[in-house]
N, C-alpha and C. Protein backbone atom coordinates (compact mmCIF):
# COMPACT_ATOMS: atom_id res chain seq x y z
N MET A 1 190.69 181.34 20.51
CA MET A 1 189.84 180.20 20.85
C MET A 1 189.06 179.75 19.61
N GLU A 2 189.12 178.45 19.29
CA GLU A 2 188.43 177.93 18.13
C GLU A 2 186.94 177.80 18.43
N GLN A 3 186.12 178.20 17.45
CA GLN A 3 184.68 178.09 17.62
C GLN A 3 184.10 177.35 16.43
N TYR A 4 183.12 176.49 16.73
CA TYR A 4 182.46 175.73 15.68
C TYR A 4 181.67 176.68 14.79
N HIS A 5 181.72 176.45 13.50
CA HIS A 5 180.98 177.23 12.53
C HIS A 5 180.10 176.27 11.75
N GLU A 6 178.93 176.72 11.37
CA GLU A 6 177.98 175.83 10.68
C GLU A 6 178.54 175.27 9.37
N THR A 7 179.54 175.92 8.80
CA THR A 7 180.10 175.44 7.54
C THR A 7 181.26 174.46 7.74
N ASP A 8 181.61 174.14 8.99
CA ASP A 8 182.75 173.26 9.25
C ASP A 8 182.67 171.92 8.49
N PRO A 9 181.54 171.19 8.60
CA PRO A 9 181.46 169.91 7.88
C PRO A 9 181.60 170.09 6.37
N GLU A 10 181.07 171.20 5.86
CA GLU A 10 181.14 171.48 4.43
C GLU A 10 182.59 171.68 3.98
N ILE A 11 183.39 172.31 4.83
CA ILE A 11 184.79 172.56 4.48
C ILE A 11 185.56 171.26 4.34
N SER A 12 185.43 170.37 5.32
CA SER A 12 186.12 169.08 5.25
C SER A 12 185.62 168.25 4.07
N ARG A 13 184.33 168.29 3.83
CA ARG A 13 183.76 167.53 2.72
C ARG A 13 184.28 168.04 1.38
N ALA A 14 184.36 169.36 1.24
CA ALA A 14 184.85 169.94 -0.01
C ALA A 14 186.31 169.59 -0.25
N ALA A 15 187.11 169.62 0.82
CA ALA A 15 188.53 169.26 0.69
C ALA A 15 188.68 167.79 0.34
N ARG A 16 187.87 166.95 0.96
CA ARG A 16 187.90 165.50 0.66
C ARG A 16 187.57 165.26 -0.81
N ASP A 17 186.52 165.91 -1.30
CA ASP A 17 186.10 165.72 -2.69
C ASP A 17 187.15 166.25 -3.67
N ALA A 18 187.78 167.37 -3.31
CA ALA A 18 188.79 167.95 -4.19
C ALA A 18 189.96 167.00 -4.39
N VAL A 19 190.41 166.38 -3.30
CA VAL A 19 191.53 165.43 -3.38
C VAL A 19 191.11 164.13 -4.05
N ALA A 20 189.92 163.65 -3.71
CA ALA A 20 189.45 162.38 -4.26
C ALA A 20 189.21 162.47 -5.76
N ASN A 21 188.64 163.60 -6.21
CA ASN A 21 188.36 163.76 -7.65
C ASN A 21 189.62 164.01 -8.45
N GLY A 22 190.56 164.75 -7.86
CA GLY A 22 191.85 164.97 -8.48
C GLY A 22 191.85 165.81 -9.74
N ASP A 23 190.79 166.60 -9.97
CA ASP A 23 190.72 167.40 -11.20
C ASP A 23 191.70 168.57 -11.19
N ASP A 24 191.56 169.43 -10.20
CA ASP A 24 192.46 170.58 -10.07
C ASP A 24 192.65 170.81 -8.58
N ILE A 25 193.34 169.89 -7.94
CA ILE A 25 193.45 169.88 -6.48
C ILE A 25 194.01 171.19 -5.94
N ARG A 26 195.08 171.67 -6.52
CA ARG A 26 195.75 172.86 -6.01
C ARG A 26 194.81 174.06 -6.00
N ARG A 27 194.14 174.32 -7.12
CA ARG A 27 193.25 175.48 -7.20
C ARG A 27 192.06 175.31 -6.26
N GLU A 28 191.49 174.11 -6.22
CA GLU A 28 190.30 173.90 -5.41
C GLU A 28 190.61 174.05 -3.92
N ILE A 29 191.72 173.52 -3.47
CA ILE A 29 192.09 173.66 -2.06
C ILE A 29 192.35 175.13 -1.73
N ARG A 30 193.02 175.85 -2.62
CA ARG A 30 193.25 177.29 -2.40
C ARG A 30 191.92 178.01 -2.21
N ASP A 31 190.96 177.74 -3.09
CA ASP A 31 189.67 178.43 -3.01
C ASP A 31 188.88 178.02 -1.77
N ILE A 32 189.00 176.76 -1.38
CA ILE A 32 188.30 176.30 -0.17
C ILE A 32 188.83 177.01 1.06
N VAL A 33 190.16 177.09 1.19
CA VAL A 33 190.75 177.76 2.36
C VAL A 33 190.41 179.24 2.37
N ALA A 34 190.64 179.92 1.25
CA ALA A 34 190.38 181.38 1.20
C ALA A 34 188.92 181.69 1.45
N GLY A 35 188.02 180.92 0.84
CA GLY A 35 186.59 181.16 1.01
C GLY A 35 186.13 180.91 2.43
N ALA A 36 186.67 179.86 3.06
CA ALA A 36 186.26 179.52 4.43
C ALA A 36 186.75 180.56 5.43
N VAL A 37 187.99 181.00 5.28
CA VAL A 37 188.54 182.00 6.20
C VAL A 37 187.80 183.33 6.05
N ALA A 38 187.35 183.63 4.83
CA ALA A 38 186.64 184.89 4.59
C ALA A 38 185.29 184.94 5.30
N ARG A 39 184.79 183.80 5.73
CA ARG A 39 183.49 183.76 6.40
C ARG A 39 183.59 183.85 7.92
N ARG A 40 184.80 184.11 8.42
CA ARG A 40 185.00 184.24 9.86
C ARG A 40 186.10 185.28 10.10
N PRO A 41 186.29 185.77 11.33
CA PRO A 41 187.31 186.79 11.57
C PRO A 41 188.68 186.34 11.09
N LEU A 42 189.39 187.23 10.44
CA LEU A 42 190.70 186.90 9.88
C LEU A 42 191.76 187.03 10.98
N GLU A 43 191.94 185.95 11.72
CA GLU A 43 192.91 185.92 12.82
C GLU A 43 193.47 184.51 12.94
N GLN A 44 194.50 184.35 13.75
CA GLN A 44 195.23 183.09 13.83
C GLN A 44 194.34 181.89 14.16
N ASP A 45 193.52 182.01 15.19
CA ASP A 45 192.71 180.87 15.62
C ASP A 45 191.75 180.42 14.53
N SER A 46 191.14 181.37 13.84
CA SER A 46 190.21 181.02 12.77
C SER A 46 190.92 180.31 11.63
N LEU A 47 192.07 180.83 11.25
CA LEU A 47 192.83 180.23 10.15
C LEU A 47 193.30 178.83 10.52
N ARG A 48 193.80 178.68 11.74
CA ARG A 48 194.27 177.36 12.19
C ARG A 48 193.12 176.35 12.19
N HIS A 49 191.94 176.79 12.62
CA HIS A 49 190.78 175.91 12.65
C HIS A 49 190.39 175.47 11.24
N VAL A 50 190.36 176.41 10.32
CA VAL A 50 190.02 176.08 8.93
C VAL A 50 191.04 175.10 8.33
N LEU A 51 192.32 175.34 8.59
CA LEU A 51 193.35 174.45 8.05
C LEU A 51 193.21 173.04 8.59
N LYS A 52 192.86 172.90 9.86
CA LYS A 52 192.66 171.57 10.43
C LYS A 52 191.51 170.85 9.74
N LEU A 53 190.44 171.57 9.45
CA LEU A 53 189.29 170.98 8.75
C LEU A 53 189.69 170.55 7.34
N VAL A 54 190.46 171.38 6.66
CA VAL A 54 190.90 171.07 5.31
C VAL A 54 191.84 169.86 5.32
N LEU A 55 192.76 169.83 6.26
CA LEU A 55 193.69 168.71 6.36
C LEU A 55 192.94 167.40 6.65
N LYS A 56 191.92 167.47 7.48
CA LYS A 56 191.10 166.30 7.77
C LYS A 56 190.44 165.79 6.49
N GLY A 57 189.88 166.71 5.71
CA GLY A 57 189.26 166.33 4.45
C GLY A 57 190.27 165.78 3.46
N MET A 58 191.44 166.39 3.40
CA MET A 58 192.50 165.90 2.52
C MET A 58 192.85 164.46 2.83
N ALA A 59 192.99 164.16 4.12
CA ALA A 59 193.34 162.80 4.55
C ALA A 59 192.25 161.80 4.18
N GLU A 60 190.99 162.22 4.32
CA GLU A 60 189.87 161.34 4.00
C GLU A 60 189.77 161.07 2.50
N GLY A 61 190.17 162.03 1.70
CA GLY A 61 190.04 161.88 0.25
C GLY A 61 191.28 161.35 -0.43
N MET A 62 192.27 160.98 0.35
CA MET A 62 193.55 160.53 -0.20
C MET A 62 193.40 159.30 -1.09
N PRO A 63 194.05 159.27 -2.26
CA PRO A 63 193.98 158.11 -3.15
C PRO A 63 194.53 156.86 -2.48
N GLU A 64 194.11 155.70 -2.97
CA GLU A 64 194.59 154.44 -2.40
C GLU A 64 195.97 154.07 -2.92
N SER A 65 196.25 154.45 -4.16
CA SER A 65 197.54 154.11 -4.76
C SER A 65 198.66 154.91 -4.11
N SER A 66 199.70 154.23 -3.67
CA SER A 66 200.82 154.92 -3.01
C SER A 66 201.48 155.92 -3.94
N GLY A 67 201.48 155.62 -5.23
CA GLY A 67 202.09 156.54 -6.18
C GLY A 67 201.31 157.83 -6.33
N GLU A 68 199.99 157.74 -6.14
CA GLU A 68 199.14 158.92 -6.29
C GLU A 68 199.07 159.74 -5.01
N ILE A 69 199.33 159.10 -3.88
CA ILE A 69 199.21 159.78 -2.60
C ILE A 69 200.12 161.00 -2.53
N THR A 70 201.41 160.80 -2.83
CA THR A 70 202.37 161.89 -2.72
C THR A 70 202.01 163.04 -3.65
N ALA A 71 201.64 162.72 -4.89
CA ALA A 71 201.30 163.76 -5.86
C ALA A 71 200.07 164.54 -5.42
N ALA A 72 199.04 163.83 -4.92
CA ALA A 72 197.81 164.49 -4.50
C ALA A 72 198.05 165.38 -3.28
N MET A 73 198.80 164.87 -2.30
CA MET A 73 199.07 165.65 -1.11
C MET A 73 199.96 166.85 -1.42
N ARG A 74 200.88 166.69 -2.36
CA ARG A 74 201.74 167.82 -2.74
C ARG A 74 200.91 168.93 -3.37
N LYS A 75 200.00 168.57 -4.25
CA LYS A 75 199.14 169.57 -4.89
C LYS A 75 198.24 170.25 -3.86
N ALA A 76 197.72 169.46 -2.93
CA ALA A 76 196.86 170.03 -1.88
C ALA A 76 197.66 170.97 -0.98
N GLY A 77 198.88 170.56 -0.64
CA GLY A 77 199.74 171.43 0.18
C GLY A 77 200.07 172.72 -0.54
N GLU A 78 200.29 172.64 -1.83
CA GLU A 78 200.56 173.85 -2.61
C GLU A 78 199.33 174.75 -2.63
N GLY A 79 198.14 174.13 -2.63
CA GLY A 79 196.91 174.92 -2.58
C GLY A 79 196.77 175.68 -1.27
N ILE A 80 197.15 175.02 -0.16
CA ILE A 80 197.14 175.69 1.15
C ILE A 80 198.11 176.87 1.13
N ALA A 81 199.31 176.64 0.62
CA ALA A 81 200.31 177.72 0.56
C ALA A 81 199.82 178.86 -0.32
N ASP A 82 199.20 178.51 -1.46
CA ASP A 82 198.67 179.55 -2.35
C ASP A 82 197.63 180.41 -1.65
N ALA A 83 196.82 179.79 -0.79
CA ALA A 83 195.77 180.53 -0.09
C ALA A 83 196.35 181.53 0.90
N MET A 84 197.56 181.29 1.39
CA MET A 84 198.16 182.21 2.34
C MET A 84 198.48 183.56 1.71
N GLU A 85 198.65 183.58 0.39
CA GLU A 85 198.96 184.84 -0.28
C GLU A 85 197.79 185.83 -0.21
N PRO A 86 196.56 185.45 -0.64
CA PRO A 86 195.44 186.39 -0.48
C PRO A 86 195.10 186.68 0.98
N VAL A 87 195.33 185.69 1.87
CA VAL A 87 195.08 185.92 3.30
C VAL A 87 196.02 187.02 3.81
N ALA A 88 197.29 186.91 3.47
CA ALA A 88 198.27 187.92 3.89
C ALA A 88 197.96 189.28 3.28
N GLU A 89 197.58 189.26 2.01
CA GLU A 89 197.24 190.53 1.33
C GLU A 89 196.05 191.20 2.00
N ALA A 90 195.02 190.42 2.30
CA ALA A 90 193.82 190.98 2.92
C ALA A 90 194.11 191.55 4.30
N LEU A 91 194.89 190.84 5.10
CA LEU A 91 195.19 191.33 6.44
C LEU A 91 196.09 192.56 6.38
N HIS A 92 197.03 192.57 5.43
CA HIS A 92 197.89 193.73 5.23
C HIS A 92 197.05 194.96 4.89
N LEU A 93 196.11 194.80 3.95
CA LEU A 93 195.25 195.91 3.54
C LEU A 93 194.36 196.36 4.70
N ALA A 94 193.87 195.41 5.47
CA ALA A 94 193.01 195.75 6.60
C ALA A 94 193.77 196.56 7.65
N ILE A 95 195.01 196.18 7.91
CA ILE A 95 195.83 196.92 8.89
C ILE A 95 196.09 198.33 8.40
N ASP A 96 196.46 198.47 7.13
CA ASP A 96 196.73 199.81 6.60
C ASP A 96 195.46 200.66 6.56
N GLU A 97 194.34 200.03 6.25
CA GLU A 97 193.06 200.76 6.25
C GLU A 97 192.73 201.22 7.67
N ALA A 98 192.97 200.33 8.65
CA ALA A 98 192.70 200.68 10.05
C ALA A 98 193.58 201.84 10.49
N ARG A 99 194.83 201.84 10.09
CA ARG A 99 195.74 202.95 10.44
C ARG A 99 195.23 204.27 9.85
N SER A 100 194.67 204.20 8.65
CA SER A 100 194.20 205.43 8.00
C SER A 100 192.94 205.99 8.66
N ARG A 101 192.27 205.18 9.47
CA ARG A 101 191.03 205.60 10.12
C ARG A 101 191.25 206.16 11.52
N GLY A 102 192.49 206.30 11.91
CA GLY A 102 192.82 206.97 13.16
C GLY A 102 192.24 206.33 14.40
N ASP A 103 191.33 207.05 15.05
CA ASP A 103 190.83 206.64 16.37
C ASP A 103 189.83 205.48 16.35
N GLU A 104 189.45 205.00 15.17
CA GLU A 104 188.47 203.91 15.12
C GLU A 104 189.03 202.60 15.66
N PHE A 105 190.37 202.46 15.65
CA PHE A 105 191.00 201.24 16.13
C PHE A 105 192.11 201.61 17.10
N THR A 106 192.25 200.81 18.15
CA THR A 106 193.26 201.09 19.17
C THR A 106 194.61 200.51 18.76
N GLU A 107 195.64 200.92 19.49
CA GLU A 107 196.97 200.37 19.24
C GLU A 107 197.00 198.87 19.53
N ASN A 108 196.21 198.44 20.50
CA ASN A 108 196.13 197.00 20.79
C ASN A 108 195.54 196.24 19.61
N ASP A 109 194.51 196.83 18.97
CA ASP A 109 193.92 196.22 17.78
C ASP A 109 194.98 196.06 16.68
N LEU A 110 195.73 197.13 16.47
CA LEU A 110 196.75 197.12 15.42
C LEU A 110 197.86 196.13 15.74
N LYS A 111 198.26 196.08 16.99
CA LYS A 111 199.34 195.15 17.38
C LYS A 111 198.90 193.70 17.19
N ARG A 112 197.67 193.39 17.60
CA ARG A 112 197.19 192.02 17.46
C ARG A 112 197.13 191.62 15.99
N ALA A 113 196.60 192.50 15.15
CA ALA A 113 196.49 192.18 13.72
C ALA A 113 197.87 192.04 13.09
N THR A 114 198.81 192.91 13.49
CA THR A 114 200.18 192.84 12.96
C THR A 114 200.85 191.54 13.40
N ASP A 115 200.62 191.13 14.64
CA ASP A 115 201.16 189.86 15.13
C ASP A 115 200.57 188.68 14.36
N ASP A 116 199.26 188.76 14.07
CA ASP A 116 198.60 187.70 13.31
C ASP A 116 199.21 187.58 11.92
N LEU A 117 199.49 188.72 11.30
CA LEU A 117 200.09 188.72 9.97
C LEU A 117 201.49 188.10 10.00
N ALA A 118 202.28 188.50 10.98
CA ALA A 118 203.64 187.96 11.09
C ALA A 118 203.61 186.46 11.34
N ALA A 119 202.59 185.98 12.06
CA ALA A 119 202.51 184.56 12.41
C ALA A 119 202.17 183.68 11.21
N LEU A 120 201.60 184.26 10.16
CA LEU A 120 201.23 183.47 8.99
C LEU A 120 202.43 182.77 8.38
N ASP A 121 203.60 183.36 8.56
CA ASP A 121 204.83 182.80 8.01
C ASP A 121 205.05 181.36 8.46
N ARG A 122 204.63 181.06 9.71
CA ARG A 122 204.83 179.73 10.27
C ARG A 122 203.53 178.96 10.47
N LEU A 123 202.43 179.66 10.55
CA LEU A 123 201.19 179.03 11.01
C LEU A 123 200.75 177.85 10.15
N TYR A 124 200.76 177.99 8.84
CA TYR A 124 200.22 176.91 8.01
C TYR A 124 201.13 175.69 8.03
N ILE A 125 202.43 175.89 8.06
CA ILE A 125 203.35 174.75 8.12
C ILE A 125 203.27 174.08 9.49
N ASP A 126 203.22 174.87 10.56
CA ASP A 126 203.12 174.31 11.91
C ASP A 126 201.81 173.54 12.09
N THR A 127 200.73 174.04 11.49
CA THR A 127 199.44 173.35 11.60
C THR A 127 199.49 172.01 10.86
N MET A 128 200.13 171.98 9.71
CA MET A 128 200.31 170.73 8.98
C MET A 128 201.14 169.74 9.80
N ARG A 129 202.19 170.24 10.42
CA ARG A 129 203.06 169.37 11.21
C ARG A 129 202.32 168.84 12.45
N ASP A 130 201.54 169.69 13.10
CA ASP A 130 200.77 169.25 14.27
C ASP A 130 199.74 168.20 13.88
N PHE A 131 199.11 168.37 12.72
CA PHE A 131 198.13 167.40 12.24
C PHE A 131 198.81 166.05 12.01
N ALA A 132 200.00 166.10 11.45
CA ALA A 132 200.74 164.86 11.17
C ALA A 132 201.13 164.15 12.46
N LYS A 133 201.49 164.91 13.48
CA LYS A 133 201.93 164.31 14.75
C LYS A 133 200.78 163.70 15.54
N ALA A 134 199.55 164.05 15.19
CA ALA A 134 198.39 163.59 15.96
C ALA A 134 198.01 162.14 15.65
N GLY A 135 198.67 161.51 14.68
CA GLY A 135 198.34 160.13 14.34
C GLY A 135 199.45 159.50 13.52
N ALA A 136 199.21 158.28 13.08
CA ALA A 136 200.25 157.56 12.33
C ALA A 136 199.73 156.97 11.03
N THR A 137 198.69 157.59 10.47
CA THR A 137 198.16 157.10 9.21
C THR A 137 199.09 157.50 8.06
N THR A 138 198.90 156.87 6.93
CA THR A 138 199.71 157.20 5.74
C THR A 138 199.52 158.66 5.36
N ALA A 139 198.28 159.12 5.43
CA ALA A 139 197.98 160.51 5.08
C ALA A 139 198.73 161.47 6.00
N GLN A 140 198.71 161.19 7.28
CA GLN A 140 199.36 162.09 8.24
C GLN A 140 200.88 162.09 8.06
N ARG A 141 201.45 160.92 7.81
CA ARG A 141 202.90 160.87 7.57
C ARG A 141 203.25 161.65 6.30
N THR A 142 202.42 161.51 5.28
CA THR A 142 202.67 162.21 4.02
C THR A 142 202.57 163.72 4.21
N ILE A 143 201.58 164.17 4.97
CA ILE A 143 201.41 165.60 5.23
C ILE A 143 202.57 166.12 6.06
N GLY A 144 203.06 165.33 7.00
CA GLY A 144 204.22 165.73 7.79
C GLY A 144 205.46 165.89 6.92
N ASP A 145 205.67 164.95 6.01
CA ASP A 145 206.80 165.04 5.09
C ASP A 145 206.67 166.26 4.19
N LEU A 146 205.43 166.54 3.77
CA LEU A 146 205.18 167.69 2.91
C LEU A 146 205.50 168.99 3.64
N ALA A 147 205.11 169.08 4.92
CA ALA A 147 205.39 170.28 5.71
C ALA A 147 206.89 170.52 5.81
N THR A 148 207.64 169.45 6.03
CA THR A 148 209.10 169.56 6.12
C THR A 148 209.68 170.04 4.80
N HIS A 149 209.18 169.48 3.70
CA HIS A 149 209.67 169.88 2.38
C HIS A 149 209.36 171.34 2.09
N MET A 150 208.14 171.78 2.42
CA MET A 150 207.75 173.16 2.16
C MET A 150 208.58 174.12 2.99
N GLU A 151 208.88 173.74 4.21
CA GLU A 151 209.69 174.59 5.09
C GLU A 151 211.11 174.73 4.54
N ARG A 152 211.68 173.64 4.08
CA ARG A 152 213.05 173.66 3.59
C ARG A 152 213.18 174.35 2.23
N SER A 153 212.12 174.28 1.44
CA SER A 153 212.20 174.83 0.09
C SER A 153 211.87 176.31 0.03
N SER A 154 211.48 176.90 1.17
CA SER A 154 211.13 178.33 1.22
C SER A 154 210.15 178.67 0.11
N ASP A 155 208.96 178.09 0.19
CA ASP A 155 207.96 178.27 -0.86
C ASP A 155 207.58 179.75 -1.03
N LYS A 156 207.00 180.04 -2.17
CA LYS A 156 206.66 181.42 -2.54
C LYS A 156 205.76 182.09 -1.51
N ALA A 157 204.80 181.33 -0.97
CA ALA A 157 203.85 181.91 -0.02
C ALA A 157 204.55 182.49 1.19
N ALA A 158 205.56 181.79 1.69
CA ALA A 158 206.28 182.28 2.87
C ALA A 158 206.92 183.63 2.57
N GLY A 159 207.46 183.77 1.36
CA GLY A 159 208.07 185.04 0.97
C GLY A 159 207.05 186.15 0.88
N VAL A 160 205.87 185.84 0.35
CA VAL A 160 204.80 186.84 0.23
C VAL A 160 204.34 187.28 1.61
N VAL A 161 204.18 186.32 2.52
CA VAL A 161 203.74 186.65 3.89
C VAL A 161 204.77 187.52 4.59
N ARG A 162 206.05 187.16 4.47
CA ARG A 162 207.09 187.96 5.13
C ARG A 162 207.14 189.37 4.56
N SER A 163 206.98 189.48 3.24
CA SER A 163 207.00 190.80 2.62
C SER A 163 205.83 191.65 3.11
N ALA A 164 204.65 191.03 3.22
CA ALA A 164 203.48 191.76 3.71
C ALA A 164 203.69 192.25 5.12
N ALA A 165 204.26 191.38 5.97
CA ALA A 165 204.49 191.74 7.37
C ALA A 165 205.53 192.85 7.49
N GLU A 166 206.54 192.82 6.62
CA GLU A 166 207.62 193.80 6.71
C GLU A 166 207.21 195.17 6.19
N THR A 167 206.20 195.23 5.32
CA THR A 167 205.81 196.50 4.71
C THR A 167 204.57 197.12 5.34
N VAL A 168 204.04 196.52 6.39
CA VAL A 168 202.89 197.10 7.08
C VAL A 168 203.25 198.49 7.59
N GLY A 169 202.36 199.43 7.35
CA GLY A 169 202.58 200.79 7.85
C GLY A 169 203.35 201.68 6.90
N GLN A 170 203.81 201.13 5.76
CA GLN A 170 204.57 201.94 4.82
C GLN A 170 203.69 202.59 3.77
N GLY A 171 202.37 202.42 3.97
CA GLY A 171 201.45 203.03 3.01
C GLY A 171 201.20 202.11 1.85
N MET A 172 200.20 202.43 1.04
CA MET A 172 199.89 201.61 -0.12
C MET A 172 199.38 202.48 -1.24
N ALA A 173 199.55 201.96 -2.46
CA ALA A 173 199.09 202.69 -3.63
C ALA A 173 197.57 202.72 -3.64
N ALA A 174 197.01 203.67 -4.37
CA ALA A 174 195.56 203.77 -4.43
C ALA A 174 194.94 202.48 -4.94
N SER A 175 195.64 201.81 -5.87
CA SER A 175 195.12 200.57 -6.44
C SER A 175 195.10 199.45 -5.41
N GLY A 176 195.86 199.62 -4.34
CA GLY A 176 195.94 198.57 -3.33
C GLY A 176 194.96 198.76 -2.19
N ARG A 177 194.22 199.87 -2.19
CA ARG A 177 193.29 200.10 -1.10
C ARG A 177 192.09 199.18 -1.23
N PRO A 178 191.49 198.80 -0.10
CA PRO A 178 190.32 197.93 -0.15
C PRO A 178 189.21 198.57 -0.98
N HIS A 179 188.51 197.75 -1.75
CA HIS A 179 187.39 198.26 -2.51
C HIS A 179 186.29 198.68 -1.55
N LEU A 180 185.58 199.74 -1.89
CA LEU A 180 184.54 200.27 -1.01
C LEU A 180 183.51 199.20 -0.66
N SER A 181 183.19 198.32 -1.62
CA SER A 181 182.20 197.27 -1.34
C SER A 181 182.69 196.32 -0.26
N ASP A 182 184.00 196.09 -0.19
CA ASP A 182 184.54 195.21 0.85
C ASP A 182 184.41 195.86 2.22
N VAL A 183 184.68 197.16 2.29
CA VAL A 183 184.55 197.89 3.55
C VAL A 183 183.09 197.93 3.98
N ASN A 184 182.19 198.18 3.01
CA ASN A 184 180.76 198.22 3.33
C ASN A 184 180.26 196.87 3.80
N ARG A 185 180.80 195.81 3.22
CA ARG A 185 180.43 194.46 3.63
C ARG A 185 180.79 194.24 5.09
N ALA A 186 181.96 194.70 5.49
CA ALA A 186 182.38 194.56 6.88
C ALA A 186 181.50 195.39 7.80
N ALA A 187 181.12 196.57 7.34
CA ALA A 187 180.27 197.45 8.15
C ALA A 187 178.91 196.81 8.40
N ARG A 188 178.35 196.18 7.36
CA ARG A 188 177.05 195.52 7.50
C ARG A 188 177.14 194.35 8.47
N ALA A 189 178.32 193.73 8.51
CA ALA A 189 178.50 192.59 9.40
C ALA A 189 178.87 193.03 10.82
N GLY A 190 178.89 194.34 11.03
CA GLY A 190 179.22 194.84 12.35
C GLY A 190 180.71 194.94 12.56
N MET A 191 181.41 195.52 11.61
CA MET A 191 182.86 195.61 11.70
C MET A 191 183.29 196.36 12.94
N GLY A 192 183.91 195.62 13.85
CA GLY A 192 184.40 196.27 15.05
C GLY A 192 185.86 195.96 15.27
N THR A 193 186.40 195.08 14.43
CA THR A 193 187.79 194.69 14.56
C THR A 193 188.48 194.69 13.21
N ILE A 194 189.80 194.72 13.25
CA ILE A 194 190.57 194.64 12.01
C ILE A 194 190.38 193.26 11.39
N ALA A 195 190.21 192.23 12.24
CA ALA A 195 189.99 190.87 11.73
C ALA A 195 188.72 190.79 10.89
N ALA A 196 187.67 191.52 11.30
CA ALA A 196 186.43 191.53 10.54
C ALA A 196 186.61 192.25 9.21
N LEU A 197 187.34 193.36 9.23
CA LEU A 197 187.62 194.06 7.99
C LEU A 197 188.46 193.19 7.07
N GLY A 198 189.44 192.50 7.64
CA GLY A 198 190.29 191.62 6.84
C GLY A 198 189.50 190.51 6.17
N SER A 199 188.57 189.91 6.89
CA SER A 199 187.78 188.83 6.30
C SER A 199 186.90 189.36 5.16
N ALA A 200 186.38 190.59 5.31
CA ALA A 200 185.57 191.17 4.24
C ALA A 200 186.41 191.44 2.99
N ILE A 201 187.62 191.94 3.20
CA ILE A 201 188.51 192.18 2.08
C ILE A 201 188.90 190.87 1.42
N LEU A 202 189.18 189.85 2.24
CA LEU A 202 189.54 188.53 1.71
C LEU A 202 188.38 187.97 0.89
N GLY A 203 187.15 188.21 1.34
CA GLY A 203 185.99 187.74 0.58
C GLY A 203 185.99 188.30 -0.83
N GLY A 204 186.32 189.59 -0.95
CA GLY A 204 186.39 190.21 -2.27
C GLY A 204 187.50 189.62 -3.12
N ILE A 205 188.66 189.38 -2.49
CA ILE A 205 189.79 188.80 -3.22
C ILE A 205 189.45 187.38 -3.67
N ALA A 206 188.85 186.60 -2.78
CA ALA A 206 188.49 185.21 -3.10
C ALA A 206 187.50 185.16 -4.26
N GLU A 207 186.55 186.09 -4.26
CA GLU A 207 185.59 186.14 -5.35
C GLU A 207 186.28 186.46 -6.67
N GLY A 208 187.27 187.36 -6.60
CA GLY A 208 188.03 187.71 -7.80
C GLY A 208 188.83 186.53 -8.34
N LEU A 209 189.43 185.76 -7.44
CA LEU A 209 190.19 184.57 -7.86
C LEU A 209 189.27 183.55 -8.52
N ALA A 210 188.11 183.33 -7.93
CA ALA A 210 187.17 182.36 -8.49
C ALA A 210 186.67 182.81 -9.85
N ALA A 211 186.41 184.12 -9.99
CA ALA A 211 185.94 184.65 -11.27
C ALA A 211 187.02 184.51 -12.35
N ALA A 212 188.27 184.73 -11.96
CA ALA A 212 189.38 184.60 -12.91
C ALA A 212 189.52 183.16 -13.37
N ASP A 213 189.28 182.21 -12.47
CA ASP A 213 189.36 180.79 -12.83
C ASP A 213 188.27 180.41 -13.82
N ARG A 214 187.12 181.06 -13.70
CA ARG A 214 186.00 180.73 -14.59
C ARG A 214 186.14 181.37 -15.95
N SER A 215 186.96 182.43 -16.07
CA SER A 215 187.10 183.16 -17.32
C SER A 215 187.93 182.35 -18.32
N PRO A 216 187.53 182.32 -19.62
CA PRO A 216 188.31 181.60 -20.62
C PRO A 216 189.61 182.33 -20.91
N PRO A 217 190.66 181.62 -21.31
CA PRO A 217 191.92 182.26 -21.66
C PRO A 217 191.73 183.31 -22.73
N ALA A 218 192.60 184.31 -22.75
CA ALA A 218 192.45 185.42 -23.69
C ALA A 218 192.47 184.96 -25.13
N ASP A 219 193.34 183.98 -25.46
CA ASP A 219 193.44 183.55 -26.85
C ASP A 219 192.15 182.84 -27.31
N GLU A 220 191.47 182.14 -26.37
CA GLU A 220 190.23 181.49 -26.72
C GLU A 220 189.13 182.52 -26.97
N THR A 221 189.16 183.61 -26.18
CA THR A 221 188.18 184.67 -26.36
C THR A 221 188.33 185.31 -27.74
N LYS A 222 189.58 185.51 -28.15
CA LYS A 222 189.85 186.11 -29.47
C LYS A 222 189.36 185.19 -30.59
N LYS A 223 189.55 183.87 -30.40
CA LYS A 223 189.12 182.91 -31.42
C LYS A 223 187.62 182.95 -31.60
N ASP A 224 186.91 183.06 -30.46
CA ASP A 224 185.44 183.08 -30.52
C ASP A 224 184.94 184.33 -31.22
N GLY A 225 185.73 185.43 -31.06
CA GLY A 225 185.32 186.68 -31.68
C GLY A 225 185.62 186.63 -33.14
């Protein structure tokens, strides 16, 4: 069930500005989606709700020039797909962490989270297609065409999501375990579900992505030194 969140207007506004400004649409949309999902339980309904808000903002910020529309929407769509990779990673880690904690989570909890992970393979494309079908504006038609293209081209994100779903329960390397601060963050927020743990882990991943974007390239750092 979708629930209104106080940051909903901010999400659409940020997506609108990212597309309208056109500076780095792909990266900005990725960060908007990942950051927004990290602030709510990491489950299908939450992700679908966030994507609808982002798509609404994308449509509102669409350039007027027909030549720019396709390019802007393609970059924004790639940003959505890029965001699915950290989302899948976070949920995968949360499921494996939950399994390692034994009786703290029930089999029903694990099954629901595993189903949510498997659904990511289709969820973002289906949400884009549903958004397109809800109207007949240029933006919606363009987003519908983009969803079809992404589905046919088997984008990288779909492969990452499928791989994450297929390897759940096979264990993970020590380097892949959630950072203690992410687990503690979930505990402070009243972690009672795998979705809550997943959102806390995603928050850490999203922060890492944003920090990496702010860091200067290695060669520039060497020049300064």
